[in-house]
N, C-alpha and C. Protein backbone atom coordinates (compact mmCIF):
# COMPACT_ATOMS: atom_id res chain seq x y z
N MET A 1 0.84 -1.19 0.00
CA MET A 1 0.00 0.00 0.00
C MET A 1 0.88 1.25 0.00
N THR A 2 0.56 2.18 -0.88
CA THR A 2 1.32 3.42 -0.93
C THR A 2 0.79 4.37 0.13
N ARG A 3 1.68 4.81 0.98
CA ARG A 3 1.33 5.74 2.05
C ARG A 3 1.64 7.16 1.59
N LYS A 4 0.90 8.10 2.15
CA LYS A 4 1.17 9.51 1.86
C LYS A 4 1.59 10.18 3.17
N ILE A 5 2.77 10.75 3.16
CA ILE A 5 3.34 11.39 4.34
C ILE A 5 3.50 12.88 4.07
N LEU A 6 3.15 13.68 5.06
CA LEU A 6 3.38 15.13 4.99
C LEU A 6 4.51 15.46 5.95
N ILE A 7 5.55 16.08 5.44
CA ILE A 7 6.68 16.52 6.27
C ILE A 7 6.55 18.03 6.46
N ILE A 8 6.48 18.45 7.72
CA ILE A 8 6.42 19.88 8.03
C ILE A 8 7.71 20.23 8.78
N ASP A 9 8.60 20.93 8.10
CA ASP A 9 9.90 21.28 8.67
C ASP A 9 10.41 22.54 7.97
N ASP A 10 10.93 23.47 8.73
CA ASP A 10 11.40 24.72 8.13
C ASP A 10 12.78 24.59 7.50
N GLU A 11 13.45 23.48 7.70
CA GLU A 11 14.79 23.28 7.12
C GLU A 11 14.68 22.49 5.81
N CYS A 12 15.03 23.14 4.71
CA CYS A 12 14.93 22.52 3.39
C CYS A 12 15.76 21.25 3.28
N ASP A 13 16.94 21.24 3.90
CA ASP A 13 17.80 20.05 3.84
C ASP A 13 17.13 18.85 4.49
N ILE A 14 16.50 19.07 5.64
CA ILE A 14 15.80 17.98 6.34
C ILE A 14 14.65 17.47 5.48
N GLN A 15 13.88 18.40 4.92
CA GLN A 15 12.77 18.03 4.04
C GLN A 15 13.27 17.15 2.89
N ALA A 16 14.33 17.60 2.23
CA ALA A 16 14.84 16.91 1.05
C ALA A 16 15.34 15.51 1.39
N VAL A 17 16.09 15.38 2.47
CA VAL A 17 16.64 14.07 2.87
C VAL A 17 15.50 13.12 3.26
N ALA A 18 14.57 13.61 4.07
CA ALA A 18 13.45 12.77 4.50
C ALA A 18 12.57 12.37 3.32
N GLN A 19 12.29 13.32 2.43
CA GLN A 19 11.46 13.02 1.27
C GLN A 19 12.10 11.97 0.39
N LEU A 20 13.38 12.16 0.09
CA LEU A 20 14.10 11.20 -0.74
C LEU A 20 14.11 9.81 -0.10
N ALA A 21 14.40 9.76 1.20
CA ALA A 21 14.45 8.48 1.90
C ALA A 21 13.10 7.77 1.86
N LEU A 22 12.03 8.50 2.12
CA LEU A 22 10.71 7.87 2.17
C LEU A 22 10.22 7.46 0.78
N GLU A 23 10.54 8.25 -0.23
CA GLU A 23 10.11 7.90 -1.58
C GLU A 23 10.92 6.73 -2.13
N VAL A 24 12.22 6.75 -1.93
CA VAL A 24 13.09 5.72 -2.50
C VAL A 24 13.04 4.42 -1.70
N VAL A 25 13.20 4.51 -0.39
CA VAL A 25 13.26 3.31 0.44
C VAL A 25 11.88 2.66 0.60
N ALA A 26 10.86 3.47 0.89
CA ALA A 26 9.54 2.92 1.19
C ALA A 26 8.57 2.98 0.01
N GLY A 27 8.86 3.81 -0.98
CA GLY A 27 7.95 3.96 -2.10
C GLY A 27 6.71 4.77 -1.75
N TRP A 28 6.80 5.59 -0.73
CA TRP A 28 5.67 6.40 -0.29
C TRP A 28 5.61 7.70 -1.07
N THR A 29 4.45 8.32 -1.07
CA THR A 29 4.25 9.64 -1.64
C THR A 29 4.51 10.65 -0.53
N VAL A 30 5.25 11.69 -0.84
CA VAL A 30 5.61 12.67 0.19
C VAL A 30 5.28 14.08 -0.27
N ALA A 31 4.65 14.82 0.63
CA ALA A 31 4.42 16.25 0.43
C ALA A 31 5.21 16.98 1.50
N THR A 32 5.66 18.19 1.21
CA THR A 32 6.43 18.94 2.19
C THR A 32 5.85 20.33 2.39
N ALA A 33 6.05 20.83 3.60
CA ALA A 33 5.64 22.19 3.95
C ALA A 33 6.76 22.80 4.78
N SER A 34 6.99 24.09 4.58
CA SER A 34 8.10 24.77 5.27
C SER A 34 7.67 25.53 6.52
N SER A 35 6.37 25.49 6.83
CA SER A 35 5.88 26.18 8.02
C SER A 35 4.65 25.45 8.55
N GLY A 36 4.32 25.74 9.80
CA GLY A 36 3.13 25.14 10.39
C GLY A 36 1.87 25.51 9.63
N LEU A 37 1.76 26.77 9.25
CA LEU A 37 0.58 27.25 8.54
C LEU A 37 0.42 26.56 7.19
N GLU A 38 1.53 26.45 6.45
CA GLU A 38 1.51 25.77 5.16
C GLU A 38 1.14 24.30 5.35
N GLY A 39 1.68 23.68 6.39
CA GLY A 39 1.38 22.28 6.68
C GLY A 39 -0.09 22.06 7.00
N LEU A 40 -0.67 22.98 7.77
CA LEU A 40 -2.10 22.88 8.10
C LEU A 40 -2.95 22.94 6.83
N GLU A 41 -2.61 23.85 5.94
CA GLU A 41 -3.35 23.98 4.68
C GLU A 41 -3.28 22.69 3.86
N LEU A 42 -2.06 22.14 3.74
CA LEU A 42 -1.89 20.90 2.98
C LEU A 42 -2.67 19.75 3.63
N ALA A 43 -2.59 19.65 4.95
CA ALA A 43 -3.28 18.56 5.66
C ALA A 43 -4.80 18.66 5.47
N LEU A 44 -5.32 19.88 5.41
CA LEU A 44 -6.75 20.08 5.21
C LEU A 44 -7.20 19.71 3.80
N HIS A 45 -6.40 20.09 2.81
CA HIS A 45 -6.80 19.91 1.42
C HIS A 45 -6.41 18.57 0.83
N GLU A 46 -5.34 17.99 1.33
CA GLU A 46 -4.89 16.68 0.86
C GLU A 46 -4.45 15.86 2.06
N PRO A 47 -5.41 15.35 2.85
CA PRO A 47 -5.05 14.66 4.10
C PRO A 47 -4.08 13.50 3.89
N PRO A 48 -2.96 13.53 4.61
CA PRO A 48 -1.97 12.45 4.50
C PRO A 48 -2.32 11.30 5.45
N ASP A 49 -1.62 10.19 5.29
CA ASP A 49 -1.77 9.05 6.21
C ASP A 49 -1.08 9.35 7.53
N ALA A 50 -0.05 10.20 7.49
CA ALA A 50 0.68 10.58 8.70
C ALA A 50 1.45 11.87 8.43
N ILE A 51 1.81 12.54 9.53
CA ILE A 51 2.56 13.79 9.44
C ILE A 51 3.83 13.67 10.27
N LEU A 52 4.96 14.05 9.66
CA LEU A 52 6.22 14.20 10.38
C LEU A 52 6.34 15.68 10.66
N LEU A 53 6.42 16.06 11.92
CA LEU A 53 6.33 17.46 12.31
C LEU A 53 7.53 17.89 13.14
N ASP A 54 8.25 18.88 12.65
CA ASP A 54 9.38 19.45 13.38
C ASP A 54 8.85 20.23 14.58
N VAL A 55 9.53 20.13 15.71
CA VAL A 55 9.08 20.83 16.91
C VAL A 55 9.49 22.30 16.87
N MET A 56 10.75 22.57 16.52
CA MET A 56 11.25 23.94 16.58
C MET A 56 11.23 24.60 15.20
N MET A 57 10.22 25.46 15.01
CA MET A 57 10.09 26.23 13.78
C MET A 57 9.72 27.66 14.17
N PRO A 58 10.10 28.64 13.33
CA PRO A 58 9.72 30.02 13.64
C PRO A 58 8.22 30.23 13.45
N ASP A 59 7.72 31.33 13.97
CA ASP A 59 6.31 31.70 13.88
C ASP A 59 5.41 30.68 14.58
N MET A 60 4.98 29.67 13.87
CA MET A 60 4.10 28.65 14.43
C MET A 60 4.92 27.38 14.64
N ASP A 61 5.30 27.10 15.90
CA ASP A 61 6.16 25.94 16.16
C ASP A 61 5.35 24.64 16.04
N GLY A 62 6.04 23.52 16.20
CA GLY A 62 5.40 22.22 16.03
C GLY A 62 4.28 21.96 17.02
N ILE A 63 4.43 22.43 18.25
CA ILE A 63 3.40 22.20 19.26
C ILE A 63 2.13 22.99 18.91
N MET A 64 2.29 24.23 18.48
CA MET A 64 1.13 25.02 18.05
C MET A 64 0.46 24.39 16.82
N THR A 65 1.28 23.89 15.92
CA THR A 65 0.77 23.23 14.71
C THR A 65 -0.01 21.97 15.09
N LEU A 66 0.55 21.19 16.01
CA LEU A 66 -0.12 19.97 16.47
C LEU A 66 -1.47 20.30 17.11
N LYS A 67 -1.51 21.31 17.94
CA LYS A 67 -2.77 21.71 18.59
C LYS A 67 -3.80 22.16 17.56
N ALA A 68 -3.35 22.86 16.53
CA ALA A 68 -4.26 23.30 15.47
C ALA A 68 -4.79 22.09 14.68
N LEU A 69 -3.91 21.12 14.41
CA LEU A 69 -4.34 19.90 13.72
C LEU A 69 -5.38 19.16 14.55
N ARG A 70 -5.15 19.05 15.84
CA ARG A 70 -6.05 18.31 16.73
C ARG A 70 -7.39 19.03 16.92
N SER A 71 -7.41 20.34 16.78
CA SER A 71 -8.64 21.09 17.01
C SER A 71 -9.58 21.09 15.80
N ASN A 72 -9.11 20.63 14.66
CA ASN A 72 -9.94 20.60 13.45
C ASN A 72 -10.42 19.17 13.21
N PRO A 73 -11.73 18.96 13.12
CA PRO A 73 -12.26 17.61 12.90
C PRO A 73 -11.71 16.92 11.65
N ARG A 74 -11.33 17.69 10.64
CA ARG A 74 -10.82 17.11 9.39
C ARG A 74 -9.39 16.60 9.53
N THR A 75 -8.65 17.10 10.53
CA THR A 75 -7.25 16.68 10.68
C THR A 75 -6.97 16.07 12.05
N SER A 76 -7.95 16.01 12.90
CA SER A 76 -7.72 15.60 14.30
C SER A 76 -7.25 14.16 14.45
N MET A 77 -7.58 13.29 13.51
CA MET A 77 -7.22 11.87 13.64
C MET A 77 -5.97 11.47 12.85
N ILE A 78 -5.34 12.42 12.17
CA ILE A 78 -4.12 12.10 11.41
C ILE A 78 -2.99 11.84 12.41
N PRO A 79 -2.33 10.68 12.32
CA PRO A 79 -1.21 10.41 13.22
C PRO A 79 -0.08 11.42 12.99
N VAL A 80 0.48 11.92 14.09
CA VAL A 80 1.57 12.89 14.02
C VAL A 80 2.78 12.33 14.76
N ILE A 81 3.92 12.34 14.09
CA ILE A 81 5.19 11.96 14.69
C ILE A 81 6.04 13.22 14.76
N LEU A 82 6.48 13.56 15.95
CA LEU A 82 7.33 14.73 16.12
C LEU A 82 8.77 14.39 15.78
N MET A 83 9.46 15.33 15.15
CA MET A 83 10.89 15.22 14.90
C MET A 83 11.57 16.33 15.69
N THR A 84 12.54 15.96 16.50
CA THR A 84 13.17 16.98 17.34
C THR A 84 14.56 16.56 17.80
N ALA A 85 15.35 17.57 18.10
CA ALA A 85 16.65 17.33 18.73
C ALA A 85 16.48 17.32 20.25
N LYS A 86 15.30 17.74 20.73
CA LYS A 86 15.01 17.78 22.16
C LYS A 86 14.53 16.41 22.61
N THR A 87 15.44 15.60 23.09
CA THR A 87 15.07 14.24 23.44
C THR A 87 15.32 13.89 24.90
N GLN A 88 15.43 14.91 25.75
CA GLN A 88 15.58 14.63 27.17
C GLN A 88 14.26 14.08 27.70
N LEU A 89 14.34 13.37 28.80
CA LEU A 89 13.17 12.70 29.36
C LEU A 89 12.00 13.66 29.59
N ALA A 90 12.27 14.83 30.15
CA ALA A 90 11.20 15.80 30.42
C ALA A 90 10.51 16.23 29.12
N ASP A 91 11.30 16.42 28.06
CA ASP A 91 10.73 16.79 26.76
C ASP A 91 9.88 15.65 26.21
N ARG A 92 10.41 14.42 26.27
CA ARG A 92 9.67 13.26 25.75
C ARG A 92 8.34 13.09 26.49
N GLU A 93 8.36 13.27 27.81
CA GLU A 93 7.13 13.14 28.60
C GLU A 93 6.12 14.22 28.23
N ARG A 94 6.60 15.44 28.05
CA ARG A 94 5.73 16.55 27.66
C ARG A 94 5.10 16.28 26.29
N PHE A 95 5.91 15.80 25.34
CA PHE A 95 5.41 15.51 24.00
C PHE A 95 4.39 14.37 24.04
N ALA A 96 4.67 13.34 24.83
CA ALA A 96 3.77 12.18 24.90
C ALA A 96 2.38 12.59 25.37
N LYS A 97 2.30 13.57 26.25
CA LYS A 97 1.01 14.03 26.77
C LYS A 97 0.19 14.75 25.71
N LEU A 98 0.81 15.11 24.60
CA LEU A 98 0.11 15.83 23.53
C LEU A 98 -0.61 14.88 22.57
N GLY A 99 -0.49 13.59 22.80
CA GLY A 99 -1.19 12.63 21.95
C GLY A 99 -0.51 12.35 20.62
N ILE A 100 0.82 12.42 20.63
CA ILE A 100 1.55 12.11 19.40
C ILE A 100 1.62 10.60 19.19
N SER A 101 1.91 10.20 17.97
CA SER A 101 2.04 8.78 17.65
C SER A 101 3.46 8.29 17.78
N GLY A 102 4.42 9.21 17.82
CA GLY A 102 5.81 8.81 17.93
C GLY A 102 6.72 10.02 17.99
N LEU A 103 7.99 9.73 18.24
CA LEU A 103 9.02 10.77 18.35
C LEU A 103 10.27 10.26 17.65
N ILE A 104 10.78 11.04 16.71
CA ILE A 104 12.00 10.69 16.00
C ILE A 104 13.04 11.74 16.32
N SER A 105 14.19 11.27 16.78
CA SER A 105 15.27 12.18 17.16
C SER A 105 16.01 12.68 15.93
N LYS A 106 16.36 13.94 15.96
CA LYS A 106 17.22 14.54 14.94
C LYS A 106 18.63 14.58 15.50
N PRO A 107 19.63 14.31 14.72
CA PRO A 107 19.53 13.88 13.33
C PRO A 107 19.05 12.42 13.24
N PHE A 108 18.26 12.13 12.23
CA PHE A 108 17.76 10.77 12.03
C PHE A 108 18.59 10.09 10.95
N LYS A 109 18.52 8.77 10.91
CA LYS A 109 19.21 8.00 9.89
C LYS A 109 18.23 7.83 8.72
N ALA A 110 18.54 8.44 7.60
CA ALA A 110 17.62 8.48 6.46
C ALA A 110 17.17 7.10 6.02
N MET A 111 18.07 6.14 5.98
CA MET A 111 17.72 4.81 5.49
C MET A 111 16.81 4.06 6.46
N GLN A 112 16.70 4.52 7.70
CA GLN A 112 15.85 3.86 8.69
C GLN A 112 14.57 4.64 8.98
N LEU A 113 14.38 5.78 8.32
CA LEU A 113 13.25 6.65 8.63
C LEU A 113 11.90 5.98 8.39
N SER A 114 11.74 5.32 7.24
CA SER A 114 10.45 4.68 6.96
C SER A 114 10.16 3.57 7.96
N GLU A 115 11.19 2.86 8.39
CA GLU A 115 11.00 1.81 9.38
C GLU A 115 10.59 2.40 10.73
N GLN A 116 11.21 3.53 11.13
CA GLN A 116 10.85 4.19 12.37
C GLN A 116 9.38 4.64 12.34
N ILE A 117 8.97 5.19 11.21
CA ILE A 117 7.59 5.65 11.06
C ILE A 117 6.64 4.45 11.11
N SER A 118 6.97 3.40 10.38
CA SER A 118 6.13 2.21 10.35
C SER A 118 5.97 1.58 11.72
N LEU A 119 7.05 1.54 12.48
CA LEU A 119 6.98 0.99 13.83
C LEU A 119 6.11 1.86 14.73
N ALA A 120 6.28 3.16 14.65
CA ALA A 120 5.51 4.07 15.50
C ALA A 120 4.01 3.98 15.20
N LEU A 121 3.67 3.73 13.95
CA LEU A 121 2.27 3.71 13.55
C LEU A 121 1.71 2.31 13.39
N SER A 122 2.51 1.30 13.77
CA SER A 122 2.10 -0.11 13.65
C SER A 122 1.74 -0.49 12.22
N TRP A 123 2.52 0.01 11.27
CA TRP A 123 2.30 -0.33 9.86
C TRP A 123 3.07 -1.57 9.46
N ILE A 124 3.85 -2.12 10.38
CA ILE A 124 4.66 -3.30 10.06
C ILE A 124 3.90 -4.54 10.50
């Protein structure tokens, strides 16, 4: 089954590496957004199977974006996996309380990204 993943990250390099890895390794369709607002629009108009969401972004950070996704009935059930360099226990506990489906540490290993996503979402 072809999955559709939306990557929301303000860093073009991260977007490009993740997109390439998911398309080539897993054969998934990938859409990208460079801001929380752009990601919300894409999620509303072309709902993905899952969203990879960067935590630290300017303007609308990942947590604000997640809350906006959860508050809209059209996007509230889309699984969200946070991507972050903040992986201390207190951060992980705070993120877990937000109802995320998983957490991927940055920097991630591109060749293992689809497997990490699949494990987090029980797609394996």
